[in-house]
Amino acid sequence: MNVVAQPYLLAELNRHAGHADIVRELVDGQVGWRRPGDNVVEGDEAWWAAYRERPDSTAREFA
């Protein structure tokens, strides 16, 4: 295998694995890898909104 292609393949694998995980979460309604929610940060709606705002605001700065 071409050494240059390996990082690209890893990035693609990661991207598609993330897509598959989103579909699985939509189908079974569970998040995380273990028992329902035991490896997901607990936070109320306001906490999650603030959490999502951090990367969104950074993205807007560089857009």
Foldseek 3Di string as FASTA:
>chain_A
DDPVCVVVVVVVVVVVVVVVQVVVCVVPVADDDDPGPPPPDDDDPVVVVVVVVVVVVVVVVVD
